[in-house]
PDB file of N, CA and C in Angstrom:
ATOM      1  N   MET A   1      -3.644  20.969  23.538  1.00  0.00           N
ATOM      2  CA  MET A   1      -2.490  21.277  24.329  1.00  0.00           C
ATOM      3  C   MET A   1      -2.062  19.901  24.620  1.00  0.00           C
ATOM      4  N   ALA A   2      -0.784  19.446  24.152  1.00  0.00           N
ATOM      5  CA  ALA A   2       0.297  18.552  24.478  1.00  0.00           C
ATOM      6  C   ALA A   2       0.087  18.402  26.636  1.00  0.00           C
ATOM      7  N   GLU A   3       0.006  17.326  26.793  1.00  0.00           N
ATOM      8  CA  GLU A   3      -0.012  17.020  28.618  1.00  0.00           C
ATOM      9  C   GLU A   3       1.997  16.703  28.241  1.00  0.00           C
ATOM     10  N   PRO A   4       1.907  17.620  29.714  1.00  0.00           N
ATOM     11  CA  PRO A   4       3.244  17.764  29.830  1.00  0.00           C
ATOM     12  C   PRO A   4       4.093  16.191  30.151  1.00  0.00           C
ATOM     13  N   MET A   5       5.753  15.985  29.849  1.00  0.00           N
ATOM     14  CA  MET A   5       5.812  14.780  29.737  1.00  0.00           C
ATOM     15  C   MET A   5       6.160  14.510  31.259  1.00  0.00           C
ATOM     16  N   ARG A   6       5.886  12.976  31.942  1.00  0.00           N
ATOM     17  CA  ARG A   6       6.429  12.960  33.094  1.00  0.00           C
ATOM     18  C   ARG A   6       8.000  11.827  32.747  1.00  0.00           C
ATOM     19  N   LYS A   7       8.933  11.930  33.691  1.00  0.00           N
ATOM     20  CA  LYS A   7       9.946  11.814  33.789  1.00  0.00           C
ATOM     21  C   LYS A   7      10.402  10.035  34.102  1.00  0.00           C
ATOM     22  N   ASP A   8       8.825   9.984  35.108  1.00  0.00           N
ATOM     23  CA  ASP A   8       8.877   8.604  35.411  1.00  0.00           C
ATOM     24  C   ASP A   8       7.760   7.619  34.234  1.00  0.00           C
ATOM     25  N   GLU A   9       7.208   8.501  33.829  1.00  0.00           N
ATOM     26  CA  GLU A   9       7.153   7.453  32.248  1.00  0.00           C
ATOM     27  C   GLU A   9       7.493   7.220  31.310  1.00  0.00           C
ATOM     28  N   ALA A  10       8.678   8.539  30.541  1.00  0.00           N
ATOM     29  CA  ALA A  10       9.433   8.464  29.987  1.00  0.00           C
ATOM     30  C   ALA A  10      10.883   7.162  30.091  1.00  0.00           C
ATOM     31  N   HIS A  11      11.083   7.159  31.748  1.00  0.00           N
ATOM     32  CA  HIS A  11      12.398   6.247  31.837  1.00  0.00           C
ATOM     33  C   HIS A  11      11.704   4.837  31.883  1.00  0.00           C
ATOM     34  N   GLU A  12      10.086   4.845  32.187  1.00  0.00           N
ATOM     35  CA  GLU A  12       9.526   3.431  32.190  1.00  0.00           C
ATOM     36  C   GLU A  12       9.699   2.841  30.668  1.00  0.00           C
ATOM     37  N   LEU A  13       9.535   4.112  29.828  1.00  0.00           N
ATOM     38  CA  LEU A  13       9.644   3.669  28.219  1.00  0.00           C
ATOM     39  C   LEU A  13      11.010   3.264  27.937  1.00  0.00           C
ATOM     40  N   VAL A  14      11.908   3.547  28.029  1.00  0.00           N
ATOM     41  CA  VAL A  14      13.238   3.530  27.961  1.00  0.00           C
ATOM     42  C   VAL A  14      13.749   2.068  28.266  1.00  0.00           C
ATOM     43  N   ASN A  15      13.097   1.915  29.950  1.00  0.00           N
ATOM     44  CA  ASN A  15      13.492   0.695  30.380  1.00  0.00           C
ATOM     45  C   ASN A  15      12.877  -0.676  30.223  1.00  0.00           C
ATOM     46  N   ARG A  16      11.699  -0.664  29.481  1.00  0.00           N
ATOM     47  CA  ARG A  16      10.946  -1.381  28.818  1.00  0.00           C
ATOM     48  C   ARG A  16      12.045  -2.230  27.525  1.00  0.00           C
ATOM     49  N   MET A  17      12.604  -1.034  27.199  1.00  0.00           N
ATOM     50  CA  MET A  17      12.965  -1.398  25.441  1.00  0.00           C
ATOM     51  C   MET A  17      13.961  -2.428  25.758  1.00  0.00           C
ATOM     52  N   PRO A  18      14.359  -3.187  24.301  1.00  0.00           N
ATOM     53  CA  PRO A  18      15.025  -4.101  24.853  1.00  0.00           C
ATOM     54  C   PRO A  18      16.805  -3.527  24.559  1.00  0.00           C
ATOM     55  N   GLU A  19      17.632  -4.206  24.932  1.00  0.00           N
ATOM     56  CA  GLU A  19      18.836  -3.744  24.962  1.00  0.00           C
ATOM     57  C   GLU A  19      19.632  -3.535  24.093  1.00  0.00           C
ATOM     58  N   ASN A  20      19.183  -3.548  22.695  1.00  0.00           N
ATOM     59  CA  ASN A  20      20.027  -3.540  21.600  1.00  0.00           C
ATOM     60  C   ASN A  20      18.815  -2.536  20.448  1.00  0.00           C
ATOM     61  N   ALA A  21      17.988  -1.838  21.581  1.00  0.00           N
ATOM     62  CA  ALA A  21      17.671  -0.687  20.374  1.00  0.00           C
ATOM     63  C   ALA A  21      18.039   0.110  20.102  1.00  0.00           C
ATOM     64  N   THR A  22      17.527   1.134  18.918  1.00  0.00           N
ATOM     65  CA  THR A  22      18.156   2.458  18.874  1.00  0.00           C
ATOM     66  C   THR A  22      17.879   3.426  19.205  1.00  0.00           C
ATOM     67  N   TRP A  23      18.214   4.591  18.702  1.00  0.00           N
ATOM     68  CA  TRP A  23      17.446   6.102  18.926  1.00  0.00           C
ATOM     69  C   TRP A  23      16.491   5.949  17.847  1.00  0.00           C
ATOM     70  N   ASP A  24      16.333   5.248  16.897  1.00  0.00           N
ATOM     71  CA  ASP A  24      15.228   5.170  15.792  1.00  0.00           C
ATOM     72  C   ASP A  24      13.854   4.574  16.452  1.00  0.00           C
ATOM     73  N   ASP A  25      14.373   3.635  17.184  1.00  0.00           N
ATOM     74  CA  ASP A  25      13.378   2.690  17.799  1.00  0.00           C
ATOM     75  C   ASP A  25      12.804   3.408  19.234  1.00  0.00           C
ATOM     76  N   LEU A  26      13.350   4.474  19.867  1.00  0.00           N
ATOM     77  CA  LEU A  26      12.723   4.911  21.043  1.00  0.00           C
ATOM     78  C   LEU A  26      11.920   6.054  20.268  1.00  0.00           C
ATOM     79  N   ILE A  27      12.312   6.587  19.281  1.00  0.00           N
ATOM     80  CA  ILE A  27      11.990   7.814  18.692  1.00  0.00           C
ATOM     81  C   ILE A  27      10.407   7.503  18.251  1.00  0.00           C
ATOM     82  N   GLU A  28      10.447   6.036  17.274  1.00  0.00           N
ATOM     83  CA  GLU A  28       9.340   5.691  16.947  1.00  0.00           C
ATOM     84  C   GLU A  28       8.086   4.871  18.241  1.00  0.00           C
ATOM     85  N   GLU A  29       8.599   4.541  19.196  1.00  0.00           N
ATOM     86  CA  GLU A  29       7.893   4.163  20.787  1.00  0.00           C
ATOM     87  C   GLU A  29       7.309   5.285  20.974  1.00  0.00           C
ATOM     88  N   ILE A  30       7.903   6.539  21.026  1.00  0.00           N
ATOM     89  CA  ILE A  30       7.552   7.910  21.387  1.00  0.00           C
ATOM     90  C   ILE A  30       6.521   8.453  21.193  1.00  0.00           C
ATOM     91  N   TYR A  31       6.810   8.358  19.417  1.00  0.00           N
ATOM     92  CA  TYR A  31       5.384   8.820  18.309  1.00  0.00           C
ATOM     93  C   TYR A  31       4.439   8.162  18.499  1.00  0.00           C
ATOM     94  N   VAL A  32       4.946   6.294  18.624  1.00  0.00           N
ATOM     95  CA  VAL A  32       3.552   6.125  18.714  1.00  0.00           C
ATOM     96  C   VAL A  32       2.870   6.477  20.151  1.00  0.00           C
ATOM     97  N   ARG A  33       2.922   6.428  20.821  1.00  0.00           N
ATOM     98  CA  ARG A  33       2.510   6.854  22.673  1.00  0.00           C
ATOM     99  C   ARG A  33       1.948   7.802  22.191  1.00  0.00           C
ATOM    100  N   GLN A  34       2.669   9.163  21.526  1.00  0.00           N
ATOM    101  CA  GLN A  34       1.689  10.438  21.286  1.00  0.00           C
ATOM    102  C   GLN A  34       0.584  10.501  20.450  1.00  0.00           C
ATOM    103  N   VAL A  35       0.903   9.508  19.564  1.00  0.00           N
ATOM    104  CA  VAL A  35      -0.364   9.376  18.169  1.00  0.00           C
ATOM    105  C   VAL A  35      -1.953   8.777  19.294  1.00  0.00           C
ATOM    106  N   ILE A  36      -1.420   7.722  19.791  1.00  0.00           N
ATOM    107  CA  ILE A  36      -2.685   6.960  21.128  1.00  0.00           C
ATOM    108  C   ILE A  36      -3.266   7.696  21.971  1.00  0.00           C
ATOM    109  N   GLU A  37      -2.399   8.461  22.479  1.00  0.00           N
ATOM    110  CA  GLU A  37      -3.077   9.538  23.764  1.00  0.00           C
ATOM    111  C   GLU A  37      -3.821  10.308  22.820  1.00  0.00           C
ATOM    112  N   GLN A  38      -3.290  11.028  21.732  1.00  0.00           N
ATOM    113  CA  GLN A  38      -3.973  12.251  21.010  1.00  0.00           C
ATOM    114  C   GLN A  38      -5.574  11.576  20.374  1.00  0.00           C
ATOM    115  N   GLY A  39      -5.542  10.314  20.108  1.00  0.00           N
ATOM    116  CA  GLY A  39      -6.808   9.982  19.416  1.00  0.00           C
ATOM    117  C   GLY A  39      -7.566   9.351  20.657  1.00  0.00           C
ATOM    118  N   LEU A  40      -6.576   9.195  21.834  1.00  0.00           N
ATOM    119  CA  LEU A  40      -7.965   8.842  22.688  1.00  0.00           C
ATOM    120  C   LEU A  40      -8.174  10.322  23.184  1.00  0.00           C
ATOM    121  N   ALA A  41      -7.631  11.161  23.381  1.00  0.00           N
ATOM    122  CA  ALA A  41      -8.195  12.529  23.679  1.00  0.00           C
ATOM    123  C   ALA A  41      -9.291  12.971  23.011  1.00  0.00           C
ATOM    124  N   ASP A  42      -8.786  13.163  22.023  1.00  0.00           N
ATOM    125  CA  ASP A  42      -9.745  13.336  20.381  1.00  0.00           C
ATOM    126  C   ASP A  42     -11.462  12.145  20.557  1.00  0.00           C
ATOM    127  N   SER A  43     -11.452  11.001  21.172  1.00  0.00           N
ATOM    128  CA  SER A  43     -12.705  10.597  21.223  1.00  0.00           C
ATOM    129  C   SER A  43     -13.383  10.784  22.549  1.00  0.00           C
ATOM    130  N   LYS A  44     -12.052  11.322  23.151  1.00  0.00           N
ATOM    131  CA  LYS A  44     -12.738  11.398  24.773  1.00  0.00           C
ATOM    132  C   LYS A  44     -13.888  12.976  24.744  1.00  0.00           C
ATOM    133  N   ALA A  45     -13.167  13.651  23.368  1.00  0.00           N
ATOM    134  CA  ALA A  45     -14.191  15.086  23.283  1.00  0.00           C
ATOM    135  C   ALA A  45     -14.784  14.942  22.445  1.00  0.00           C
ATOM    136  N   GLY A  46     -15.147  13.689  21.754  1.00  0.00           N
ATOM    137  CA  GLY A  46     -15.907  13.994  20.323  1.00  0.00           C
ATOM    138  C   GLY A  46     -15.475  14.205  19.289  1.00  0.00           C
ATOM    139  N   ARG A  47     -14.728  14.333  18.778  1.00  0.00           N
ATOM    140  CA  ARG A  47     -13.807  14.354  17.763  1.00  0.00           C
ATOM    141  C   ARG A  47     -13.536  13.698  16.843  1.00  0.00           C
ATOM    142  N   THR A  48     -14.666  12.509  16.664  1.00  0.00           N
ATOM    143  CA  THR A  48     -14.328  11.759  16.062  1.00  0.00           C
ATOM    144  C   THR A  48     -15.340  11.828  14.830  1.00  0.00           C
ATOM    145  N   THR A  49     -15.217  10.685  14.009  1.00  0.00           N
ATOM    146  CA  THR A  49     -16.411  10.651  12.819  1.00  0.00           C
ATOM    147  C   THR A  49     -16.675   9.319  12.305  1.00  0.00           C
ATOM    148  N   ASP A  50     -17.826   8.454  12.421  1.00  0.00           N
ATOM    149  CA  ASP A  50     -18.215   7.476  12.444  1.00  0.00           C
ATOM    150  C   ASP A  50     -17.919   6.256  11.639  1.00  0.00           C
ATOM    151  N   VAL A  51     -17.777   5.213  11.479  1.00  0.00           N
ATOM    152  CA  VAL A  51     -17.441   4.594  10.166  1.00  0.00           C
ATOM    153  C   VAL A  51     -18.124   4.771   9.542  1.00  0.00           C
ATOM    154  N   GLU A  52     -19.494   4.463   9.686  1.00  0.00           N
ATOM    155  CA  GLU A  52     -20.337   4.474   8.432  1.00  0.00           C
ATOM    156  C   GLU A  52     -19.972   6.224   7.428  1.00  0.00           C
ATOM    157  N   GLU A  53     -19.871   7.153   8.322  1.00  0.00           N
ATOM    158  CA  GLU A  53     -19.825   8.211   7.242  1.00  0.00           C
ATOM    159  C   GLU A  53     -18.772   8.484   6.715  1.00  0.00           C
ATOM    160  N   VAL A  54     -17.804   7.815   7.321  1.00  0.00           N
ATOM    161  CA  VAL A  54     -16.145   7.875   6.454  1.00  0.00           C
ATOM    162  C   VAL A  54     -16.344   6.666   5.614  1.00  0.00           C
ATOM    163  N   ARG A  55     -17.114   5.609   5.569  1.00  0.00           N
ATOM    164  CA  ARG A  55     -17.047   4.756   4.058  1.00  0.00           C
ATOM    165  C   ARG A  55     -18.369   5.224   3.102  1.00  0.00           C
ATOM    166  N   ARG A  56     -19.404   6.445   3.631  1.00  0.00           N
ATOM    167  CA  ARG A  56     -19.802   7.221   2.346  1.00  0.00           C
ATOM    168  C   ARG A  56     -19.247   8.038   2.042  1.00  0.00           C
ATOM    169  N   ARG A  57     -18.833   8.860   2.715  1.00  0.00           N
ATOM    170  CA  ARG A  57     -17.675   9.653   2.140  1.00  0.00           C
ATOM    171  C   ARG A  57     -17.039   9.271   1.344  1.00  0.00           C
ATOM    172  N   TYR A  58     -16.265   8.412   1.285  1.00  0.00           N
ATOM    173  CA  TYR A  58     -15.624   7.641   0.507  1.00  0.00           C
ATOM    174  C   TYR A  58     -15.725   6.693  -0.375  1.00  0.00           C
ATOM    175  N   GLY A  59     -16.697   6.371  -0.313  1.00  0.00           N
ATOM    176  CA  GLY A  59     -17.749   5.714  -1.442  1.00  0.00           C
ATOM    177  C   GLY A  59     -17.005   3.849  -1.273  1.00  0.00           C
ATOM    178  N   LEU A  60     -17.004   3.617   0.005  1.00  0.00           N
ATOM    179  CA  LEU A  60     -16.061   2.572   0.293  1.00  0.00           C
ATOM    180  C   LEU A  60     -17.392   1.749   0.988  1.00  0.00           C
ATOM    181  N   GLN A  61     -17.258   0.102   0.682  1.00  0.00           N
ATOM    182  CA  GLN A  61     -18.453  -0.864   0.408  1.00  0.00           C
ATOM    183  C   GLN A  61     -18.492  -1.197   2.271  1.00  0.00           C
ATOM    184  N   PRO A  62     -19.465  -1.581   3.119  1.00  0.00           N
ATOM    185  CA  PRO A  62     -18.952  -1.669   4.823  1.00  0.00           C
ATOM    186  C   PRO A  62     -18.299  -3.495   4.873  1.00  0.00           C
TER     187      PRO A  62
END
């Protein structure tokens, strides 16, 4: 389940953006933050796959 948005964090995100930022820039920032937070949550919960396992699965060289 997604964590609720905190308005102060949303304001901070907008305030850090350059004056000429577009709505697309804001959407991208929100998306990147969401993906990072989800990845951190997955890692904390042990929902990850070891790099060696991924390489083996896909026949990739180390």
